Structures are given as C-alpha cells and as structure tokens.
Amino acid sequence: MPRFWRVLLISLIIVLVLYGIYFALGRPVIPLPTIPYKVSPGQPLHSIITSDGADELKLTLNTSGEIEITSEEQSVVALNYTPETFDNTLDLGERLLIAQKSLQSNEDVPESSPFLRKLIDWVVAYYYHVIRFRLSVLLTALP
C-alpha cells in the first residue's frame, strides 16, 4: 500500500476515534476564548450597552441552540433556536438589510445567492448537530 494511502487511512481512523470519544462524552460544548470588543460613544450599540447602567454586555452563542446576553452576570435575553428557526432569523435580517439599503439609495439591491444561503444552512446544521462550541463576545462601552 502506498505511503499516501496509509497516512490518509491512519488520519481518518484517528479522527473517527477522537469523534467517538467526544460523542461518548455526550458531545460537550467546547468553550472558545472570549472576544473583547470596545464600543466608543456615538455608536448606536453604545447606548444599548449603557441603557441599564452597566458598562459591559456579554453576548454568548452556544451552538447547541442557545443565545444569551448578560449584563453584570444577570441574564438580559435568553433565546433557544434550532437550525430551522435560525434560518428564519437570517431571512428576516436579510430582508431588513435589503430594506435599509433600498431606503438609503436608489440603486437595485442584489439578493443573496442561493448557494450562499445553502452553505450557511449547512454550517449551522453542522455546528448544531456534530460539533458544539461556545463563542462569547464581551462588549465594553468606552466613557
């Protein structure tokens, strides 16, 4: 057997064993490092962050189907989703962006490609059903 095929076969077996262990552990959520983001005054997001008197909001996306926004360790918004409802949200967001662009200019606004929509659906379904992770963004309002 040529060396290339041996390496490929061994790599595939290692990946399958690691995923088997991950699956046997109950597919736990893999936490990723928190991304800090500073928001300066004058931006619309600044007034949202400081509306409850706090200087920070933490947005957490858990690909097992949860989105949560917390302020001072208290939950502000908690949403549960499935790939189908997430697709509805993307569709609504796309329509709002198209409406905003068409109001700001007189040009024709191109619609998104069907391939791109399908690709987004596949990625959401993959991270919902196969590998789960938690991504957090810490929004800090600058004085």
C-alpha atoms as a PDB file:
ATOM      1  CA  MET A   1       0.000   0.000   0.000  1.00  0.00           C
ATOM      2  CA  PRO A   2       1.478   3.412  -0.937  1.00  0.00           C
ATOM      3  CA  ARG A   3       2.528   5.731   1.861  1.00  0.00           C
ATOM      4  CA  PHE A   4      -0.080   8.401   0.975  1.00  0.00           C
ATOM      5  CA  TRP A   5      -2.975   5.971   1.443  1.00  0.00           C
ATOM      6  CA  ARG A   6      -1.547   4.656   4.738  1.00  0.00           C
ATOM      7  CA  VAL A   7      -1.225   8.179   6.134  1.00  0.00           C
ATOM      8  CA  LEU A   8      -4.721   9.050   4.934  1.00  0.00           C
ATOM      9  CA  LEU A   9      -6.208   5.887   6.446  1.00  0.00           C
ATOM     10  CA  ILE A  10      -4.430   6.370   9.786  1.00  0.00           C
ATOM     11  CA  SER A  11      -5.526  10.019   9.913  1.00  0.00           C
ATOM     12  CA  LEU A  12      -9.123   9.058   9.204  1.00  0.00           C
ATOM     13  CA  ILE A  13      -9.059   6.393  11.931  1.00  0.00           C
ATOM     14  CA  ILE A  14      -7.628   8.894  14.443  1.00  0.00           C
ATOM     15  CA  VAL A  15     -10.336  11.446  13.601  1.00  0.00           C
ATOM     16  CA  LEU A  16     -13.066   8.806  13.960  1.00  0.00           C
ATOM     17  CA  VAL A  17     -11.691   7.608  17.329  1.00  0.00           C
ATOM     18  CA  LEU A  18     -11.482  11.188  18.640  1.00  0.00           C
ATOM     19  CA  TYR A  19     -15.037  11.931  17.499  1.00  0.00           C
ATOM     20  CA  GLY A  20     -16.185   8.653  19.075  1.00  0.00           C
ATOM     21  CA  ILE A  21     -14.704   9.757  22.399  1.00  0.00           C
ATOM     22  CA  TYR A  22     -16.313  13.201  22.006  1.00  0.00           C
ATOM     23  CA  PHE A  23     -19.657  11.550  21.196  1.00  0.00           C
ATOM     24  CA  ALA A  24     -19.342   9.117  24.140  1.00  0.00           C
ATOM     25  CA  LEU A  25     -18.770  12.063  26.480  1.00  0.00           C
ATOM     26  CA  GLY A  26     -22.158  13.434  25.413  1.00  0.00           C
ATOM     27  CA  ARG A  27     -20.879  15.990  22.886  1.00  0.00           C
ATOM     28  CA  PRO A  28     -19.945  18.641  25.458  1.00  0.00           C
ATOM     29  CA  VAL A  29     -19.772  22.278  24.411  1.00  0.00           C
ATOM     30  CA  ILE A  30     -16.211  23.371  23.609  1.00  0.00           C
ATOM     31  CA  PRO A  31     -15.624  26.864  25.041  1.00  0.00           C
ATOM     32  CA  LEU A  32     -13.670  29.280  22.863  1.00  0.00           C
ATOM     33  CA  PRO A  33     -11.852  32.336  24.291  1.00  0.00           C
ATOM     34  CA  THR A  34     -13.960  35.447  24.872  1.00  0.00           C
ATOM     35  CA  ILE A  35     -13.543  38.152  22.237  1.00  0.00           C
ATOM     36  CA  PRO A  36     -13.311  41.679  23.722  1.00  0.00           C
ATOM     37  CA  TYR A  37     -14.909  44.498  21.711  1.00  0.00           C
ATOM     38  CA  LYS A  38     -14.787  48.152  22.729  1.00  0.00           C
ATOM     39  CA  VAL A  39     -17.644  50.438  21.674  1.00  0.00           C
ATOM     40  CA  SER A  40     -16.991  54.166  21.535  1.00  0.00           C
ATOM     41  CA  PRO A  41     -19.620  56.826  22.338  1.00  0.00           C
ATOM     42  CA  GLY A  42     -21.744  57.870  19.411  1.00  0.00           C
ATOM     43  CA  GLN A  43     -22.239  54.366  18.074  1.00  0.00           C
ATOM     44  CA  PRO A  44     -25.804  53.005  18.356  1.00  0.00           C
ATOM     45  CA  LEU A  45     -24.540  49.965  20.265  1.00  0.00           C
ATOM     46  CA  HIS A  46     -23.078  52.240  22.972  1.00  0.00           C
ATOM     47  CA  SER A  47     -26.500  53.424  24.114  1.00  0.00           C
ATOM     48  CA  ILE A  48     -27.784  49.839  24.242  1.00  0.00           C
ATOM     49  CA  ILE A  49     -24.861  48.730  26.429  1.00  0.00           C
ATOM     50  CA  THR A  50     -25.212  51.628  28.869  1.00  0.00           C
ATOM     51  CA  SER A  51     -29.037  51.595  28.988  1.00  0.00           C
ATOM     52  CA  ASP A  52     -29.172  49.612  32.246  1.00  0.00           C
ATOM     53  CA  GLY A  53     -26.309  51.452  33.949  1.00  0.00           C
ATOM     54  CA  ALA A  54     -23.660  48.817  33.237  1.00  0.00           C
ATOM     55  CA  ASP A  55     -20.614  49.317  31.050  1.00  0.00           C
ATOM     56  CA  GLU A  56     -20.476  45.769  29.690  1.00  0.00           C
ATOM     57  CA  LEU A  57     -22.678  43.271  27.892  1.00  0.00           C
ATOM     58  CA  LYS A  58     -21.663  39.706  27.180  1.00  0.00           C
ATOM     59  CA  LEU A  59     -23.143  38.007  24.126  1.00  0.00           C
ATOM     60  CA  THR A  60     -22.787  34.210  24.230  1.00  0.00           C
ATOM     61  CA  LEU A  61     -23.575  31.952  21.272  1.00  0.00           C
ATOM     62  CA  ASN A  62     -23.818  28.294  22.181  1.00  0.00           C
ATOM     63  CA  THR A  63     -24.142  26.217  19.008  1.00  0.00           C
ATOM     64  CA  SER A  64     -26.181  23.607  20.861  1.00  0.00           C
ATOM     65  CA  GLY A  65     -29.099  26.001  20.435  1.00  0.00           C
ATOM     66  CA  GLU A  66     -28.773  28.900  22.892  1.00  0.00           C
ATOM     67  CA  ILE A  67     -28.020  32.598  22.603  1.00  0.00           C
ATOM     68  CA  GLU A  68     -27.729  34.634  25.799  1.00  0.00           C
ATOM     69  CA  ILE A  69     -26.979  38.264  26.591  1.00  0.00           C
ATOM     70  CA  THR A  70     -25.895  39.041  30.151  1.00  0.00           C
ATOM     71  CA  SER A  71     -25.224  42.293  31.965  1.00  0.00           C
ATOM     72  CA  GLU A  72     -23.439  42.244  35.313  1.00  0.00           C
ATOM     73  CA  GLU A  73     -23.895  38.448  35.461  1.00  0.00           C
ATOM     74  CA  GLN A  74     -27.695  38.791  35.129  1.00  0.00           C
ATOM     75  CA  SER A  75     -29.424  37.390  32.077  1.00  0.00           C
ATOM     76  CA  VAL A  76     -30.978  40.091  29.890  1.00  0.00           C
ATOM     77  CA  VAL A  77     -32.038  37.934  26.928  1.00  0.00           C
ATOM     78  CA  ALA A  78     -32.005  34.166  26.528  1.00  0.00           C
ATOM     79  CA  LEU A  79     -33.082  32.586  23.241  1.00  0.00           C
ATOM     80  CA  ASN A  80     -33.237  28.967  22.143  1.00  0.00           C
ATOM     81  CA  TYR A  81     -33.028  28.050  18.484  1.00  0.00           C
ATOM     82  CA  THR A  82     -32.917  25.154  16.045  1.00  0.00           C
ATOM     83  CA  PRO A  83     -31.358  25.293  12.569  1.00  0.00           C
ATOM     84  CA  GLU A  84     -34.826  25.954  11.103  1.00  0.00           C
ATOM     85  CA  THR A  85     -35.612  28.889  13.402  1.00  0.00           C
ATOM     86  CA  PHE A  86     -32.075  30.244  12.926  1.00  0.00           C
ATOM     87  CA  ASP A  87     -32.721  30.204   9.171  1.00  0.00           C
ATOM     88  CA  ASN A  88     -35.913  32.219   9.747  1.00  0.00           C
ATOM     89  CA  THR A  89     -33.896  34.777  11.727  1.00  0.00           C
ATOM     90  CA  LEU A  90     -31.303  35.059   8.957  1.00  0.00           C
ATOM     91  CA  ASP A  91     -34.080  35.520   6.414  1.00  0.00           C
ATOM     92  CA  LEU A  92     -35.651  38.310   8.489  1.00  0.00           C
ATOM     93  CA  GLY A  93     -32.272  40.010   8.977  1.00  0.00           C
ATOM     94  CA  GLU A  94     -31.538  39.838   5.257  1.00  0.00           C
ATOM     95  CA  ARG A  95     -34.891  41.434   4.424  1.00  0.00           C
ATOM     96  CA  LEU A  96     -34.293  44.229   6.945  1.00  0.00           C
ATOM     97  CA  LEU A  97     -30.831  44.934   5.474  1.00  0.00           C
ATOM     98  CA  ILE A  98     -32.231  44.999   1.940  1.00  0.00           C
ATOM     99  CA  ALA A  99     -34.975  47.394   3.036  1.00  0.00           C
ATOM    100  CA  GLN A 100     -32.444  49.667   4.752  1.00  0.00           C
ATOM    101  CA  LYS A 101     -30.143  49.713   1.706  1.00  0.00           C
ATOM    102  CA  SER A 102     -33.006  50.452  -0.663  1.00  0.00           C
ATOM    103  CA  LEU A 103     -34.147  53.370   1.508  1.00  0.00           C
ATOM    104  CA  GLN A 104     -30.642  54.834   1.594  1.00  0.00           C
ATOM    105  CA  SER A 105     -30.050  54.644  -2.156  1.00  0.00           C
ATOM    106  CA  ASN A 106     -31.983  54.424  -5.377  1.00  0.00           C
ATOM    107  CA  GLU A 107     -29.890  51.534  -6.720  1.00  0.00           C
ATOM    108  CA  ASP A 108     -31.106  47.986  -7.141  1.00  0.00           C
ATOM    109  CA  VAL A 109     -30.061  45.854  -4.189  1.00  0.00           C
ATOM    110  CA  PRO A 110     -28.928  42.370  -5.214  1.00  0.00           C
ATOM    111  CA  GLU A 111     -30.363  39.440  -3.324  1.00  0.00           C
ATOM    112  CA  SER A 112     -28.101  36.850  -1.747  1.00  0.00           C
ATOM    113  CA  SER A 113     -27.144  33.834  -3.785  1.00  0.00           C
ATOM    114  CA  PRO A 114     -28.985  30.564  -3.165  1.00  0.00           C
ATOM    115  CA  PHE A 115     -25.632  28.790  -2.853  1.00  0.00           C
ATOM    116  CA  LEU A 116     -24.549  31.115  -0.039  1.00  0.00           C
ATOM    117  CA  ARG A 117     -27.849  30.558   1.799  1.00  0.00           C
ATOM    118  CA  LYS A 118     -27.447  26.777   1.469  1.00  0.00           C
ATOM    119  CA  LEU A 119     -23.850  26.987   2.682  1.00  0.00           C
ATOM    120  CA  ILE A 120     -24.937  28.951   5.770  1.00  0.00           C
ATOM    121  CA  ASP A 121     -27.653  26.346   6.434  1.00  0.00           C
ATOM    122  CA  TRP A 122     -25.085  23.528   6.219  1.00  0.00           C
ATOM    123  CA  VAL A 123     -22.659  25.292   8.567  1.00  0.00           C
ATOM    124  CA  VAL A 124     -25.379  25.990  11.147  1.00  0.00           C
ATOM    125  CA  ALA A 125     -26.614  22.392  10.964  1.00  0.00           C
ATOM    126  CA  TYR A 126     -23.050  21.033  11.250  1.00  0.00           C
ATOM    127  CA  TYR A 127     -22.258  23.014  14.379  1.00  0.00           C
ATOM    128  CA  TYR A 128     -25.702  22.276  15.839  1.00  0.00           C
ATOM    129  CA  HIS A 129     -25.650  18.500  15.250  1.00  0.00           C
ATOM    130  CA  VAL A 130     -21.978  17.454  15.059  1.00  0.00           C
ATOM    131  CA  ILE A 131     -19.538  19.678  16.970  1.00  0.00           C
ATOM    132  CA  ARG A 132     -20.721  22.174  19.555  1.00  0.00           C
ATOM    133  CA  PHE A 133     -18.847  25.211  20.804  1.00  0.00           C
ATOM    134  CA  ARG A 134     -19.459  28.364  22.834  1.00  0.00           C
ATOM    135  CA  LEU A 135     -18.407  31.742  21.452  1.00  0.00           C
ATOM    136  CA  SER A 136     -18.584  34.827  23.688  1.00  0.00           C
ATOM    137  CA  VAL A 137     -18.160  38.500  22.819  1.00  0.00           C
ATOM    138  CA  LEU A 138     -17.635  40.982  25.662  1.00  0.00           C
ATOM    139  CA  LEU A 139     -18.926  44.412  24.587  1.00  0.00           C
ATOM    140  CA  THR A 140     -17.430  47.235  26.673  1.00  0.00           C
ATOM    141  CA  ALA A 141     -18.709  50.809  26.439  1.00  0.00           C
ATOM    142  CA  LEU A 142     -15.919  53.369  26.464  1.00  0.00           C
ATOM    143  CA  PRO A 143     -16.525  56.537  28.535  1.00  0.00           C
END
